Amino acid sequence: MTGEERYPLPRAVIYDDTAALALGAGNSMASRLVVEAEKDPALRVYIPAVSLAAAERERAGVAEHVGALPSVNIEGLDFAAATAVGKRLRAAKGESEHAEDEHGKDEPDWSGAHVLHLALPTVEWPRGRAVLTRAPMRYRGTGIRTIRIVEN
């Protein structure tokens, strides 16, 4: 049994900001999913617009590179998403008034909140969508499936 048979590709993957940065840097795992999505229209790759903005903040040019890939769907922050993301950020603020992120900054995690909104189960995706990330602990306790990026 090959690795492909044991671990089939998910049908939909959401890239968070860390995955968008990995894709922009040429990470083979992040790139493979995009290439596979080019060949298989049933496989979908999504990047939340807020995650793309966070990646662009970290490395100039990432947004243009990722946005030019035809098999990558950039998911905007529409009314429903904006409402859900705002509620998540408010709830997170209430849970921990002085929580610090992995960089030691006391900032709300807009990117993570948008990713979580897209990854949770919906009518279209009853099992939710997996999240490709370098930081799976960021989503601990949310119930979403994460795929840790293998560094090359």
C-alpha atoms as a PDB file:
ATOM      1  CA  MET A   1       0.000   0.000   0.000  1.00  0.00           C
ATOM      2  CA  THR A   2       1.525   3.299  -1.055  1.00  0.00           C
ATOM      3  CA  GLY A   3       1.396   6.540   0.919  1.00  0.00           C
ATOM      4  CA  GLU A   4      -1.137   7.889  -1.610  1.00  0.00           C
ATOM      5  CA  GLU A   5      -3.527   5.019  -0.812  1.00  0.00           C
ATOM      6  CA  ARG A   6      -3.179   5.346   2.958  1.00  0.00           C
ATOM      7  CA  TYR A   7      -3.386   9.117   3.032  1.00  0.00           C
ATOM      8  CA  PRO A   8      -5.531  10.339   0.147  1.00  0.00           C
ATOM      9  CA  LEU A   9      -5.575  14.035  -0.651  1.00  0.00           C
ATOM     10  CA  PRO A  10      -8.429  15.898   1.029  1.00  0.00           C
ATOM     11  CA  ARG A  11     -11.046  17.280  -1.374  1.00  0.00           C
ATOM     12  CA  ALA A  12     -10.640  20.821  -0.022  1.00  0.00           C
ATOM     13  CA  VAL A  13      -7.773  22.493   1.792  1.00  0.00           C
ATOM     14  CA  ILE A  14      -7.606  25.926   3.362  1.00  0.00           C
ATOM     15  CA  TYR A  15      -4.173  27.547   3.508  1.00  0.00           C
ATOM     16  CA  ASP A  16      -3.618  29.843   6.469  1.00  0.00           C
ATOM     17  CA  ASP A  17      -1.076  32.677   6.400  1.00  0.00           C
ATOM     18  CA  THR A  18       1.790  30.326   7.321  1.00  0.00           C
ATOM     19  CA  ALA A  19       0.854  28.010   4.448  1.00  0.00           C
ATOM     20  CA  ALA A  20       0.569  30.936   2.025  1.00  0.00           C
ATOM     21  CA  LEU A  21       4.091  31.975   3.050  1.00  0.00           C
ATOM     22  CA  ALA A  22       5.309  28.394   2.542  1.00  0.00           C
ATOM     23  CA  LEU A  23       3.680  28.288  -0.896  1.00  0.00           C
ATOM     24  CA  GLY A  24       5.278  31.595  -1.817  1.00  0.00           C
ATOM     25  CA  ALA A  25       8.662  30.257  -0.689  1.00  0.00           C
ATOM     26  CA  GLY A  26       8.331  27.148  -2.862  1.00  0.00           C
ATOM     27  CA  ASN A  27       7.611  24.577  -0.137  1.00  0.00           C
ATOM     28  CA  SER A  28       7.099  21.269  -1.955  1.00  0.00           C
ATOM     29  CA  MET A  29       4.135  20.123   0.140  1.00  0.00           C
ATOM     30  CA  ALA A  30       2.239  23.415  -0.210  1.00  0.00           C
ATOM     31  CA  SER A  31       3.062  23.519  -3.925  1.00  0.00           C
ATOM     32  CA  ARG A  32       2.023  19.895  -4.510  1.00  0.00           C
ATOM     33  CA  LEU A  33      -1.550  20.513  -3.404  1.00  0.00           C
ATOM     34  CA  VAL A  34      -1.831  23.473  -5.772  1.00  0.00           C
ATOM     35  CA  VAL A  35      -0.409  21.401  -8.652  1.00  0.00           C
ATOM     36  CA  GLU A  36      -2.797  18.542  -7.864  1.00  0.00           C
ATOM     37  CA  ALA A  37      -5.711  21.003  -7.820  1.00  0.00           C
ATOM     38  CA  GLU A  38      -4.679  22.083 -11.336  1.00  0.00           C
ATOM     39  CA  LYS A  39      -5.003  18.481 -12.518  1.00  0.00           C
ATOM     40  CA  ASP A  40      -8.100  17.526 -10.511  1.00  0.00           C
ATOM     41  CA  PRO A  41     -11.012  19.990 -10.515  1.00  0.00           C
ATOM     42  CA  ALA A  42     -12.595  18.104  -7.594  1.00  0.00           C
ATOM     43  CA  LEU A  43      -9.688  19.211  -5.352  1.00  0.00           C
ATOM     44  CA  ARG A  44     -10.026  22.782  -4.160  1.00  0.00           C
ATOM     45  CA  VAL A  45      -7.458  25.052  -2.551  1.00  0.00           C
ATOM     46  CA  TYR A  46      -8.714  28.072  -0.621  1.00  0.00           C
ATOM     47  CA  ILE A  47      -6.838  30.972   0.941  1.00  0.00           C
ATOM     48  CA  PRO A  48      -8.789  33.416   3.111  1.00  0.00           C
ATOM     49  CA  ALA A  49      -8.203  37.007   2.004  1.00  0.00           C
ATOM     50  CA  VAL A  50      -7.243  37.974   5.561  1.00  0.00           C
ATOM     51  CA  SER A  51      -4.596  35.208   5.605  1.00  0.00           C
ATOM     52  CA  LEU A  52      -3.244  36.424   2.292  1.00  0.00           C
ATOM     53  CA  ALA A  53      -3.031  39.958   3.707  1.00  0.00           C
ATOM     54  CA  ALA A  54      -1.170  38.644   6.781  1.00  0.00           C
ATOM     55  CA  ALA A  55       1.268  36.738   4.560  1.00  0.00           C
ATOM     56  CA  GLU A  56       1.846  39.835   2.410  1.00  0.00           C
ATOM     57  CA  ARG A  57       2.582  41.805   5.587  1.00  0.00           C
ATOM     58  CA  GLU A  58       5.343  39.314   6.376  1.00  0.00           C
ATOM     59  CA  ARG A  59       6.815  39.010   2.874  1.00  0.00           C
ATOM     60  CA  ALA A  60       6.246  41.455   0.030  1.00  0.00           C
ATOM     61  CA  GLY A  61       5.030  39.905  -3.214  1.00  0.00           C
ATOM     62  CA  VAL A  62       3.428  36.785  -1.726  1.00  0.00           C
ATOM     63  CA  ALA A  63      -0.105  38.004  -2.433  1.00  0.00           C
ATOM     64  CA  GLU A  64       0.612  38.651  -6.113  1.00  0.00           C
ATOM     65  CA  HIS A  65       2.339  35.277  -6.492  1.00  0.00           C
ATOM     66  CA  VAL A  66      -0.420  33.282  -4.794  1.00  0.00           C
ATOM     67  CA  GLY A  67      -3.229  35.298  -6.366  1.00  0.00           C
ATOM     68  CA  ALA A  68      -1.896  34.523  -9.848  1.00  0.00           C
ATOM     69  CA  LEU A  69      -2.268  30.764  -9.370  1.00  0.00           C
ATOM     70  CA  PRO A  70      -5.397  29.655 -11.278  1.00  0.00           C
ATOM     71  CA  SER A  71      -6.256  26.745  -8.960  1.00  0.00           C
ATOM     72  CA  VAL A  72      -6.192  28.847  -5.783  1.00  0.00           C
ATOM     73  CA  ASN A  73      -9.489  30.373  -4.660  1.00  0.00           C
ATOM     74  CA  ILE A  74      -9.172  33.555  -2.592  1.00  0.00           C
ATOM     75  CA  GLU A  75     -12.085  33.654  -0.129  1.00  0.00           C
ATOM     76  CA  GLY A  76     -13.236  37.173   0.686  1.00  0.00           C
ATOM     77  CA  LEU A  77     -14.677  38.461   3.907  1.00  0.00           C
ATOM     78  CA  ASP A  78     -18.365  38.779   3.037  1.00  0.00           C
ATOM     79  CA  PHE A  79     -21.113  39.782   5.465  1.00  0.00           C
ATOM     80  CA  ALA A  80     -21.524  36.311   7.018  1.00  0.00           C
ATOM     81  CA  ALA A  81     -17.764  35.839   7.366  1.00  0.00           C
ATOM     82  CA  ALA A  82     -17.218  39.332   8.774  1.00  0.00           C
ATOM     83  CA  THR A  83     -19.918  38.751  11.378  1.00  0.00           C
ATOM     84  CA  ALA A  84     -18.545  35.327  12.364  1.00  0.00           C
ATOM     85  CA  VAL A  85     -14.920  36.525  12.469  1.00  0.00           C
ATOM     86  CA  GLY A  86     -15.872  39.548  14.593  1.00  0.00           C
ATOM     87  CA  LYS A  87     -17.768  37.332  17.046  1.00  0.00           C
ATOM     88  CA  ARG A  88     -14.810  34.916  17.290  1.00  0.00           C
ATOM     89  CA  LEU A  89     -12.388  37.757  17.955  1.00  0.00           C
ATOM     90  CA  ARG A  90     -14.682  39.235  20.598  1.00  0.00           C
ATOM     91  CA  ALA A  91     -15.057  35.826  22.267  1.00  0.00           C
ATOM     92  CA  ALA A  92     -11.291  35.269  22.185  1.00  0.00           C
ATOM     93  CA  LYS A  93     -10.723  38.690  23.733  1.00  0.00           C
ATOM     94  CA  GLY A  94     -13.178  37.841  26.507  1.00  0.00           C
ATOM     95  CA  GLU A  95     -11.463  34.507  27.193  1.00  0.00           C
ATOM     96  CA  SER A  96      -8.049  36.041  27.593  1.00  0.00           C
ATOM     97  CA  GLU A  97      -7.671  39.797  27.862  1.00  0.00           C
ATOM     98  CA  HIS A  98      -3.882  39.557  27.801  1.00  0.00           C
ATOM     99  CA  ALA A  99      -3.236  36.601  25.503  1.00  0.00           C
ATOM    100  CA  GLU A 100      -0.088  36.898  23.433  1.00  0.00           C
ATOM    101  CA  ASP A 101       0.453  35.275  20.066  1.00  0.00           C
ATOM    102  CA  GLU A 102       3.521  33.250  19.076  1.00  0.00           C
ATOM    103  CA  HIS A 103       5.411  36.487  18.332  1.00  0.00           C
ATOM    104  CA  GLY A 104       4.792  37.930  21.805  1.00  0.00           C
ATOM    105  CA  LYS A 105       2.367  40.587  20.521  1.00  0.00           C
ATOM    106  CA  ASP A 106      -1.014  41.246  22.039  1.00  0.00           C
ATOM    107  CA  GLU A 107      -2.884  41.317  18.713  1.00  0.00           C
ATOM    108  CA  PRO A 108      -6.129  39.696  17.641  1.00  0.00           C
ATOM    109  CA  ASP A 109      -5.676  36.753  15.271  1.00  0.00           C
ATOM    110  CA  TRP A 110      -7.757  37.976  12.325  1.00  0.00           C
ATOM    111  CA  SER A 111      -6.211  35.455   9.958  1.00  0.00           C
ATOM    112  CA  GLY A 112      -6.848  32.504  12.265  1.00  0.00           C
ATOM    113  CA  ALA A 113     -10.434  33.615  12.869  1.00  0.00           C
ATOM    114  CA  HIS A 114     -11.123  33.800   9.124  1.00  0.00           C
ATOM    115  CA  VAL A 115      -9.505  30.380   8.591  1.00  0.00           C
ATOM    116  CA  LEU A 116     -11.593  28.889  11.386  1.00  0.00           C
ATOM    117  CA  HIS A 117     -14.786  30.345   9.916  1.00  0.00           C
ATOM    118  CA  LEU A 118     -14.051  28.702   6.552  1.00  0.00           C
ATOM    119  CA  ALA A 119     -12.884  25.377   8.021  1.00  0.00           C
ATOM    120  CA  LEU A 120     -15.896  24.646  10.198  1.00  0.00           C
ATOM    121  CA  PRO A 121     -18.685  22.424   8.805  1.00  0.00           C
ATOM    122  CA  THR A 122     -21.290  24.026   6.541  1.00  0.00           C
ATOM    123  CA  VAL A 123     -24.062  22.735   4.309  1.00  0.00           C
ATOM    124  CA  GLU A 124     -21.615  22.639   1.390  1.00  0.00           C
ATOM    125  CA  TRP A 125     -18.822  21.061   3.473  1.00  0.00           C
ATOM    126  CA  PRO A 126     -20.587  18.950   6.157  1.00  0.00           C
ATOM    127  CA  ARG A 127     -17.261  17.573   7.449  1.00  0.00           C
ATOM    128  CA  GLY A 128     -15.580  20.950   7.268  1.00  0.00           C
ATOM    129  CA  ARG A 129     -12.365  21.628   5.396  1.00  0.00           C
ATOM    130  CA  ALA A 130      -8.836  20.745   6.436  1.00  0.00           C
ATOM    131  CA  VAL A 131      -6.343  23.527   7.173  1.00  0.00           C
ATOM    132  CA  LEU A 132      -2.769  23.426   5.902  1.00  0.00           C
ATOM    133  CA  THR A 133      -0.520  25.202   8.403  1.00  0.00           C
ATOM    134  CA  ARG A 134       2.922  25.408   9.966  1.00  0.00           C
ATOM    135  CA  ALA A 135       1.223  26.068  13.335  1.00  0.00           C
ATOM    136  CA  PRO A 136      -1.440  23.409  14.024  1.00  0.00           C
ATOM    137  CA  MET A 137      -1.505  24.321  17.734  1.00  0.00           C
ATOM    138  CA  ARG A 138      -3.069  27.623  16.687  1.00  0.00           C
ATOM    139  CA  TYR A 139      -6.284  25.684  16.006  1.00  0.00           C
ATOM    140  CA  ARG A 140      -6.155  23.389  19.041  1.00  0.00           C
ATOM    141  CA  GLY A 141      -9.542  22.813  20.613  1.00  0.00           C
ATOM    142  CA  THR A 142     -11.528  24.088  17.624  1.00  0.00           C
ATOM    143  CA  GLY A 143     -12.442  20.676  16.220  1.00  0.00           C
ATOM    144  CA  ILE A 144     -11.054  21.385  12.773  1.00  0.00           C
ATOM    145  CA  ARG A 145      -8.644  19.080  10.962  1.00  0.00           C
ATOM    146  CA  THR A 146      -5.155  20.415  10.404  1.00  0.00           C
ATOM    147  CA  ILE A 147      -2.343  19.254   8.166  1.00  0.00           C
ATOM    148  CA  ARG A 148       1.122  20.211   9.354  1.00  0.00           C
ATOM    149  CA  ILE A 149       3.371  21.465   6.578  1.00  0.00           C
ATOM    150  CA  VAL A 150       6.417  19.289   6.131  1.00  0.00           C
ATOM    151  CA  GLU A 151       9.450  21.500   5.688  1.00  0.00           C
ATOM    152  CA  ASN A 152      11.668  20.707   2.717  1.00  0.00           C
END
